[in-house]
Amino acid sequence: MRQNILPFAILLTLLFLVAANAGEVQVKNMTYSDDYLIKMLDNENLGLRTSAAQLLGERKCLQAVDPLVKMMKHDKEYVARIVAAIVILKISDYSKIEVIREQALKEKNKTVRHVLAGVFTEMQKQLIAQK
């Protein structure tokens, strides 16, 4: 139980730092806090993975898109796959529209399939609106 609390405590501390905009050091348009959140996408705790993904989406972290695509395709938890797709939409990386469409076609979980189809449709609408 104590091992599960430590990553949560670290993430909570990081969230406070991010919220206060303290302790961030820019390195190639990416902060250390972004890097830590990206690493958290591979954490075994579902809550930490999805929370990290949502924070990266709020920050519109483009460096997180490829790890989010990996999460969308391969995470064993369907909730994490859904969150990853929604966060990619929130970040507005339209270069992944085809990846989302392909994943929607081969996804086994019906709920995830529907969400991916919705994300794909919304990305199409946003692309059209930009033109």
C-alpha atoms as a PDB file:
ATOM      1  CA  MET A   1       0.000   0.000   0.000  1.00  0.00           C
ATOM      2  CA  ARG A   2       2.804   2.408   0.880  1.00  0.00           C
ATOM      3  CA  GLN A   3       4.418   1.857  -2.545  1.00  0.00           C
ATOM      4  CA  ASN A   4       1.209   3.016  -4.240  1.00  0.00           C
ATOM      5  CA  ILE A   5       1.074   6.204  -2.175  1.00  0.00           C
ATOM      6  CA  LEU A   6       4.584   7.419  -3.059  1.00  0.00           C
ATOM      7  CA  PRO A   7       3.991   7.986  -6.824  1.00  0.00           C
ATOM      8  CA  PHE A   8       0.684   9.658  -5.990  1.00  0.00           C
ATOM      9  CA  ALA A   9       2.364  11.947  -3.465  1.00  0.00           C
ATOM     10  CA  ILE A  10       5.073  12.828  -5.985  1.00  0.00           C
ATOM     11  CA  LEU A  11       2.478  13.579  -8.670  1.00  0.00           C
ATOM     12  CA  LEU A  12       0.424  15.657  -6.241  1.00  0.00           C
ATOM     13  CA  THR A  13       3.501  17.666  -5.295  1.00  0.00           C
ATOM     14  CA  LEU A  14       4.308  18.145  -8.961  1.00  0.00           C
ATOM     15  CA  LEU A  15       0.767  19.340  -9.623  1.00  0.00           C
ATOM     16  CA  PHE A  16       1.126  22.022  -6.982  1.00  0.00           C
ATOM     17  CA  LEU A  17       4.415  23.124  -8.500  1.00  0.00           C
ATOM     18  CA  VAL A  18       2.922  23.210 -11.976  1.00  0.00           C
ATOM     19  CA  ALA A  19      -0.095  25.143 -10.752  1.00  0.00           C
ATOM     20  CA  ALA A  20       2.155  27.684  -9.088  1.00  0.00           C
ATOM     21  CA  ASN A  21       4.446  27.748 -12.135  1.00  0.00           C
ATOM     22  CA  ALA A  22       7.378  27.198  -9.785  1.00  0.00           C
ATOM     23  CA  GLY A  23      10.399  25.015 -10.333  1.00  0.00           C
ATOM     24  CA  GLU A  24      10.069  24.731 -14.101  1.00  0.00           C
ATOM     25  CA  VAL A  25      13.198  24.763 -16.202  1.00  0.00           C
ATOM     26  CA  GLN A  26      12.781  25.067 -19.960  1.00  0.00           C
ATOM     27  CA  VAL A  27      14.713  22.588 -22.088  1.00  0.00           C
ATOM     28  CA  LYS A  28      13.905  22.548 -25.813  1.00  0.00           C
ATOM     29  CA  ASN A  29      10.338  23.861 -25.307  1.00  0.00           C
ATOM     30  CA  MET A  30       9.667  21.202 -22.699  1.00  0.00           C
ATOM     31  CA  THR A  31       9.735  21.569 -18.935  1.00  0.00           C
ATOM     32  CA  TYR A  32      10.982  18.977 -16.511  1.00  0.00           C
ATOM     33  CA  SER A  33       7.431  18.685 -15.228  1.00  0.00           C
ATOM     34  CA  ASP A  34       6.234  17.778 -18.733  1.00  0.00           C
ATOM     35  CA  ASP A  35       8.958  15.154 -18.923  1.00  0.00           C
ATOM     36  CA  TYR A  36       7.881  13.698 -15.591  1.00  0.00           C
ATOM     37  CA  LEU A  37       4.226  13.641 -16.657  1.00  0.00           C
ATOM     38  CA  ILE A  38       5.157  11.869 -19.896  1.00  0.00           C
ATOM     39  CA  LYS A  39       7.015   9.219 -17.878  1.00  0.00           C
ATOM     40  CA  MET A  40       3.921   8.802 -15.709  1.00  0.00           C
ATOM     41  CA  LEU A  41       1.986   7.641 -18.784  1.00  0.00           C
ATOM     42  CA  ASP A  42       3.745   4.281 -18.305  1.00  0.00           C
ATOM     43  CA  ASN A  43       2.959   4.024 -14.588  1.00  0.00           C
ATOM     44  CA  GLU A  44       1.202   0.843 -13.495  1.00  0.00           C
ATOM     45  CA  ASN A  45      -1.461   2.879 -11.639  1.00  0.00           C
ATOM     46  CA  LEU A  46      -4.385   3.681 -13.943  1.00  0.00           C
ATOM     47  CA  GLY A  47      -5.308   6.823 -12.027  1.00  0.00           C
ATOM     48  CA  LEU A  48      -1.802   8.224 -12.304  1.00  0.00           C
ATOM     49  CA  ARG A  49      -1.596   7.407 -16.019  1.00  0.00           C
ATOM     50  CA  THR A  50      -4.888   9.069 -16.857  1.00  0.00           C
ATOM     51  CA  SER A  51      -4.262  12.077 -14.590  1.00  0.00           C
ATOM     52  CA  ALA A  52      -0.861  12.651 -16.167  1.00  0.00           C
ATOM     53  CA  ALA A  53      -2.444  12.420 -19.621  1.00  0.00           C
ATOM     54  CA  GLN A  54      -5.123  14.956 -18.719  1.00  0.00           C
ATOM     55  CA  LEU A  55      -2.541  17.388 -17.340  1.00  0.00           C
ATOM     56  CA  LEU A  56      -0.471  17.074 -20.498  1.00  0.00           C
ATOM     57  CA  GLY A  57      -3.607  17.861 -22.480  1.00  0.00           C
ATOM     58  CA  GLU A  58      -4.330  20.924 -20.371  1.00  0.00           C
ATOM     59  CA  ARG A  59      -0.773  22.093 -21.051  1.00  0.00           C
ATOM     60  CA  LYS A  60      -1.126  21.218 -24.769  1.00  0.00           C
ATOM     61  CA  CYS A  61       2.204  19.404 -24.625  1.00  0.00           C
ATOM     62  CA  LEU A  62       3.057  18.386 -28.189  1.00  0.00           C
ATOM     63  CA  GLN A  63       5.931  16.198 -26.981  1.00  0.00           C
ATOM     64  CA  ALA A  64       3.360  13.969 -25.271  1.00  0.00           C
ATOM     65  CA  VAL A  65       1.470  13.084 -28.456  1.00  0.00           C
ATOM     66  CA  ASP A  66       3.556  10.062 -29.472  1.00  0.00           C
ATOM     67  CA  PRO A  67       3.457   8.531 -25.965  1.00  0.00           C
ATOM     68  CA  LEU A  68      -0.300   9.219 -25.920  1.00  0.00           C
ATOM     69  CA  VAL A  69      -0.701   7.423 -29.252  1.00  0.00           C
ATOM     70  CA  LYS A  70       1.154   4.473 -27.729  1.00  0.00           C
ATOM     71  CA  MET A  71      -1.194   4.601 -24.747  1.00  0.00           C
ATOM     72  CA  MET A  72      -4.237   4.805 -27.026  1.00  0.00           C
ATOM     73  CA  LYS A  73      -3.122   1.772 -28.994  1.00  0.00           C
ATOM     74  CA  HIS A  74      -1.656  -0.507 -26.349  1.00  0.00           C
ATOM     75  CA  ASP A  75      -2.914   0.261 -22.848  1.00  0.00           C
ATOM     76  CA  LYS A  76      -4.676  -2.754 -21.350  1.00  0.00           C
ATOM     77  CA  GLU A  77      -7.292  -0.528 -19.674  1.00  0.00           C
ATOM     78  CA  TYR A  78      -9.965   0.756 -22.021  1.00  0.00           C
ATOM     79  CA  VAL A  79     -10.413   3.908 -19.917  1.00  0.00           C
ATOM     80  CA  ALA A  80      -6.771   4.855 -20.483  1.00  0.00           C
ATOM     81  CA  ARG A  81      -7.174   4.349 -24.243  1.00  0.00           C
ATOM     82  CA  ILE A  82     -10.205   6.645 -24.218  1.00  0.00           C
ATOM     83  CA  VAL A  83      -8.442   9.334 -22.180  1.00  0.00           C
ATOM     84  CA  ALA A  84      -5.402   9.211 -24.471  1.00  0.00           C
ATOM     85  CA  ALA A  85      -7.538   9.769 -27.581  1.00  0.00           C
ATOM     86  CA  ILE A  86      -9.433  12.659 -26.009  1.00  0.00           C
ATOM     87  CA  VAL A  87      -6.183  14.269 -24.862  1.00  0.00           C
ATOM     88  CA  ILE A  88      -4.717  14.020 -28.383  1.00  0.00           C
ATOM     89  CA  LEU A  89      -7.816  15.884 -29.579  1.00  0.00           C
ATOM     90  CA  LYS A  90      -7.374  18.481 -26.826  1.00  0.00           C
ATOM     91  CA  ILE A  91      -3.739  19.024 -27.812  1.00  0.00           C
ATOM     92  CA  SER A  92      -4.985  19.544 -31.389  1.00  0.00           C
ATOM     93  CA  ASP A  93      -2.323  17.471 -33.121  1.00  0.00           C
ATOM     94  CA  TYR A  94      -4.170  16.817 -36.350  1.00  0.00           C
ATOM     95  CA  SER A  95      -1.244  14.870 -37.797  1.00  0.00           C
ATOM     96  CA  LYS A  96      -2.564  11.876 -35.811  1.00  0.00           C
ATOM     97  CA  ILE A  97      -6.036  11.883 -37.398  1.00  0.00           C
ATOM     98  CA  GLU A  98      -5.256   8.849 -39.565  1.00  0.00           C
ATOM     99  CA  VAL A  99      -3.799   6.928 -36.635  1.00  0.00           C
ATOM    100  CA  ILE A 100      -7.004   7.565 -34.693  1.00  0.00           C
ATOM    101  CA  ARG A 101      -9.164   6.457 -37.636  1.00  0.00           C
ATOM    102  CA  GLU A 102      -7.137   3.260 -38.072  1.00  0.00           C
ATOM    103  CA  GLN A 103      -7.311   2.499 -34.364  1.00  0.00           C
ATOM    104  CA  ALA A 104     -11.075   3.076 -34.379  1.00  0.00           C
ATOM    105  CA  LEU A 105     -11.414   0.468 -37.122  1.00  0.00           C
ATOM    106  CA  LYS A 106      -9.434  -2.215 -35.313  1.00  0.00           C
ATOM    107  CA  GLU A 107     -10.322  -1.500 -31.662  1.00  0.00           C
ATOM    108  CA  LYS A 108     -12.032  -4.477 -30.022  1.00  0.00           C
ATOM    109  CA  ASN A 109     -13.816  -2.586 -27.247  1.00  0.00           C
ATOM    110  CA  LYS A 110     -17.091  -1.130 -28.506  1.00  0.00           C
ATOM    111  CA  THR A 111     -17.020   1.882 -26.175  1.00  0.00           C
ATOM    112  CA  VAL A 112     -13.463   2.792 -27.171  1.00  0.00           C
ATOM    113  CA  ARG A 113     -14.396   2.342 -30.841  1.00  0.00           C
ATOM    114  CA  HIS A 114     -17.253   4.831 -30.495  1.00  0.00           C
ATOM    115  CA  VAL A 115     -15.096   7.372 -28.661  1.00  0.00           C
ATOM    116  CA  LEU A 116     -12.321   7.059 -31.260  1.00  0.00           C
ATOM    117  CA  ALA A 117     -14.867   7.548 -34.038  1.00  0.00           C
ATOM    118  CA  GLY A 118     -16.135  10.660 -32.236  1.00  0.00           C
ATOM    119  CA  VAL A 119     -12.602  12.009 -31.789  1.00  0.00           C
ATOM    120  CA  PHE A 120     -11.906  11.390 -35.478  1.00  0.00           C
ATOM    121  CA  THR A 121     -15.121  13.197 -36.491  1.00  0.00           C
ATOM    122  CA  GLU A 122     -14.349  16.140 -34.210  1.00  0.00           C
ATOM    123  CA  MET A 123     -10.824  16.420 -35.627  1.00  0.00           C
ATOM    124  CA  GLN A 124     -12.292  16.493 -39.142  1.00  0.00           C
ATOM    125  CA  LYS A 125     -14.687  19.283 -38.134  1.00  0.00           C
ATOM    126  CA  GLN A 126     -11.893  21.303 -36.565  1.00  0.00           C
ATOM    127  CA  LEU A 127      -9.702  20.885 -39.636  1.00  0.00           C
ATOM    128  CA  ILE A 128     -12.530  22.082 -41.882  1.00  0.00           C
ATOM    129  CA  ALA A 129     -13.180  25.043 -39.588  1.00  0.00           C
ATOM    130  CA  GLN A 130      -9.524  26.075 -39.847  1.00  0.00           C
ATOM    131  CA  LYS A 131      -9.695  26.360 -43.617  1.00  0.00           C
END
